[in-house]
Each structure stands twice: as C-alpha cells, then as structure tokens.
Amino acid sequence: MEGIKPVEALVSVEAAARELGTTPTKVLMMLRSKALFGCEADGGWRVSVESLACAKAHGIDRKQASGCASYCASKCGCG
C-alpha cells in the first residue's frame, strides 16, 4: 500500500533510561532537546529504538544540533 509508513520500534522512557544508565528525567530532557527522538503515546513518552542505539554509540552528554547524522558516519537513522 502506498503512503503507509512502517511503524518504528519504540521503548518506554524507563526502559531507555535503564539502557543508557541514566534517569527517566534525563531521557525526557534528551527528548526535549532532540538528543533522542520519540513520541507521546498511551499516556507517556516513547523513545525510538534507533535513536536510543545512536545515543548509546555516541554518548548521552554530547551536544546535538541536528540529530545523529552530523555525528555518525553510518547515519544511525536517528537524525
């Protein structure tokens, strides 16, 4: 079918925090600053698995202006 996008894999803020070794509050701050990408669903925020993988590869404290693409030669998919 044309016009239908595949559903991106998402995890909860809590799961993302565990994966990154940080707090749910830090993950929410990263979402707000676009250091992570996600969406609001089912009454809470969800984080893109691709974005999470990029954050793990590059570190969670880096400044990010335009997504992973500017930092990752392989273009992780989160930018």
C-alpha atoms as a PDB file:
ATOM      1  CA  MET A   1       0.000   0.000   0.000  1.00  0.00           C
ATOM      2  CA  GLU A   2       1.297   3.415  -0.881  1.00  0.00           C
ATOM      3  CA  GLY A   3       1.519   6.161   1.716  1.00  0.00           C
ATOM      4  CA  ILE A   4       1.728   3.843   4.709  1.00  0.00           C
ATOM      5  CA  LYS A   5       4.903   4.187   6.742  1.00  0.00           C
ATOM      6  CA  PRO A   6       6.302   1.260   8.745  1.00  0.00           C
ATOM      7  CA  VAL A   7       5.876   1.560  12.494  1.00  0.00           C
ATOM      8  CA  GLU A   8       9.119   2.454  14.208  1.00  0.00           C
ATOM      9  CA  ALA A   9      10.127   0.393  17.233  1.00  0.00           C
ATOM     10  CA  LEU A  10       9.674   2.346  20.460  1.00  0.00           C
ATOM     11  CA  VAL A  11      10.555   1.766  24.105  1.00  0.00           C
ATOM     12  CA  SER A  12       9.359   3.439  27.294  1.00  0.00           C
ATOM     13  CA  VAL A  13      11.307   6.282  28.899  1.00  0.00           C
ATOM     14  CA  GLU A  14      12.070   3.979  31.817  1.00  0.00           C
ATOM     15  CA  ALA A  15      13.496   1.271  29.530  1.00  0.00           C
ATOM     16  CA  ALA A  16      15.562   3.864  27.653  1.00  0.00           C
ATOM     17  CA  ALA A  17      16.928   5.188  30.958  1.00  0.00           C
ATOM     18  CA  ARG A  18      17.978   1.689  32.047  1.00  0.00           C
ATOM     19  CA  GLU A  19      19.624   1.075  28.671  1.00  0.00           C
ATOM     20  CA  LEU A  20      21.561   4.358  28.864  1.00  0.00           C
ATOM     21  CA  GLY A  21      22.404   4.032  32.563  1.00  0.00           C
ATOM     22  CA  THR A  22      20.650   7.275  33.449  1.00  0.00           C
ATOM     23  CA  THR A  23      17.365   8.520  34.878  1.00  0.00           C
ATOM     24  CA  PRO A  24      13.943   8.832  33.239  1.00  0.00           C
ATOM     25  CA  THR A  25      14.176  12.606  33.847  1.00  0.00           C
ATOM     26  CA  LYS A  26      17.424  12.776  31.829  1.00  0.00           C
ATOM     27  CA  VAL A  27      15.768  10.820  28.990  1.00  0.00           C
ATOM     28  CA  LEU A  28      12.856  13.275  28.966  1.00  0.00           C
ATOM     29  CA  MET A  29      15.347  16.156  28.844  1.00  0.00           C
ATOM     30  CA  MET A  30      17.097  14.458  25.920  1.00  0.00           C
ATOM     31  CA  LEU A  31      13.773  14.112  24.109  1.00  0.00           C
ATOM     32  CA  ARG A  32      13.039  17.783  24.661  1.00  0.00           C
ATOM     33  CA  SER A  33      16.458  18.843  23.333  1.00  0.00           C
ATOM     34  CA  LYS A  34      16.138  16.423  20.397  1.00  0.00           C
ATOM     35  CA  ALA A  35      19.176  14.421  21.527  1.00  0.00           C
ATOM     36  CA  LEU A  36      16.714  11.490  21.418  1.00  0.00           C
ATOM     37  CA  PHE A  37      13.709  11.099  19.194  1.00  0.00           C
ATOM     38  CA  GLY A  38      10.361   9.716  20.204  1.00  0.00           C
ATOM     39  CA  CYS A  39       6.661  10.424  20.555  1.00  0.00           C
ATOM     40  CA  GLU A  40       3.926  10.663  23.125  1.00  0.00           C
ATOM     41  CA  ALA A  41       1.704   7.578  23.172  1.00  0.00           C
ATOM     42  CA  ASP A  42      -0.522   5.738  25.625  1.00  0.00           C
ATOM     43  CA  GLY A  43      -0.227   8.483  28.231  1.00  0.00           C
ATOM     44  CA  GLY A  44       3.584   8.608  28.241  1.00  0.00           C
ATOM     45  CA  TRP A  45       6.613   9.217  26.107  1.00  0.00           C
ATOM     46  CA  ARG A  46       8.240   6.515  23.980  1.00  0.00           C
ATOM     47  CA  VAL A  47      11.797   6.602  22.596  1.00  0.00           C
ATOM     48  CA  SER A  48      12.824   5.443  19.136  1.00  0.00           C
ATOM     49  CA  VAL A  49      14.989   2.302  19.318  1.00  0.00           C
ATOM     50  CA  GLU A  50      17.206   3.663  16.509  1.00  0.00           C
ATOM     51  CA  SER A  51      17.663   6.947  18.366  1.00  0.00           C
ATOM     52  CA  LEU A  52      18.482   5.035  21.545  1.00  0.00           C
ATOM     53  CA  ALA A  53      21.117   2.967  19.733  1.00  0.00           C
ATOM     54  CA  CYS A  54      22.716   6.141  18.398  1.00  0.00           C
ATOM     55  CA  ALA A  55      22.789   7.733  21.852  1.00  0.00           C
ATOM     56  CA  LYS A  56      24.483   4.594  23.213  1.00  0.00           C
ATOM     57  CA  ALA A  57      27.055   4.689  20.408  1.00  0.00           C
ATOM     58  CA  HIS A  58      27.905   8.375  20.812  1.00  0.00           C
ATOM     59  CA  GLY A  59      27.227   9.093  24.481  1.00  0.00           C
ATOM     60  CA  ILE A  60      24.309  10.796  26.154  1.00  0.00           C
ATOM     61  CA  ASP A  61      26.010  14.077  27.079  1.00  0.00           C
ATOM     62  CA  ARG A  62      27.042  15.286  23.636  1.00  0.00           C
ATOM     63  CA  LYS A  63      25.506  18.417  22.196  1.00  0.00           C
ATOM     64  CA  GLN A  64      23.275  17.633  19.261  1.00  0.00           C
ATOM     65  CA  ALA A  65      22.003  20.223  16.824  1.00  0.00           C
ATOM     66  CA  SER A  66      20.568  18.137  14.025  1.00  0.00           C
ATOM     67  CA  GLY A  67      20.425  14.501  15.052  1.00  0.00           C
ATOM     68  CA  CYS A  68      22.893  11.714  14.779  1.00  0.00           C
ATOM     69  CA  ALA A  69      23.615  12.288  11.093  1.00  0.00           C
ATOM     70  CA  SER A  70      26.097  15.033  11.930  1.00  0.00           C
ATOM     71  CA  TYR A  71      27.993  12.750  14.319  1.00  0.00           C
ATOM     72  CA  CYS A  72      27.712   9.313  12.786  1.00  0.00           C
ATOM     73  CA  ALA A  73      29.324   8.302   9.523  1.00  0.00           C
ATOM     74  CA  SER A  74      26.936   5.370   9.263  1.00  0.00           C
ATOM     75  CA  LYS A  75      23.924   7.668   9.717  1.00  0.00           C
ATOM     76  CA  CYS A  76      22.380   5.604  12.535  1.00  0.00           C
ATOM     77  CA  GLY A  77      18.896   6.519  11.418  1.00  0.00           C
ATOM     78  CA  CYS A  78      18.016   8.796  14.273  1.00  0.00           C
ATOM     79  CA  GLY A  79      18.840  12.053  12.525  1.00  0.00           C
END
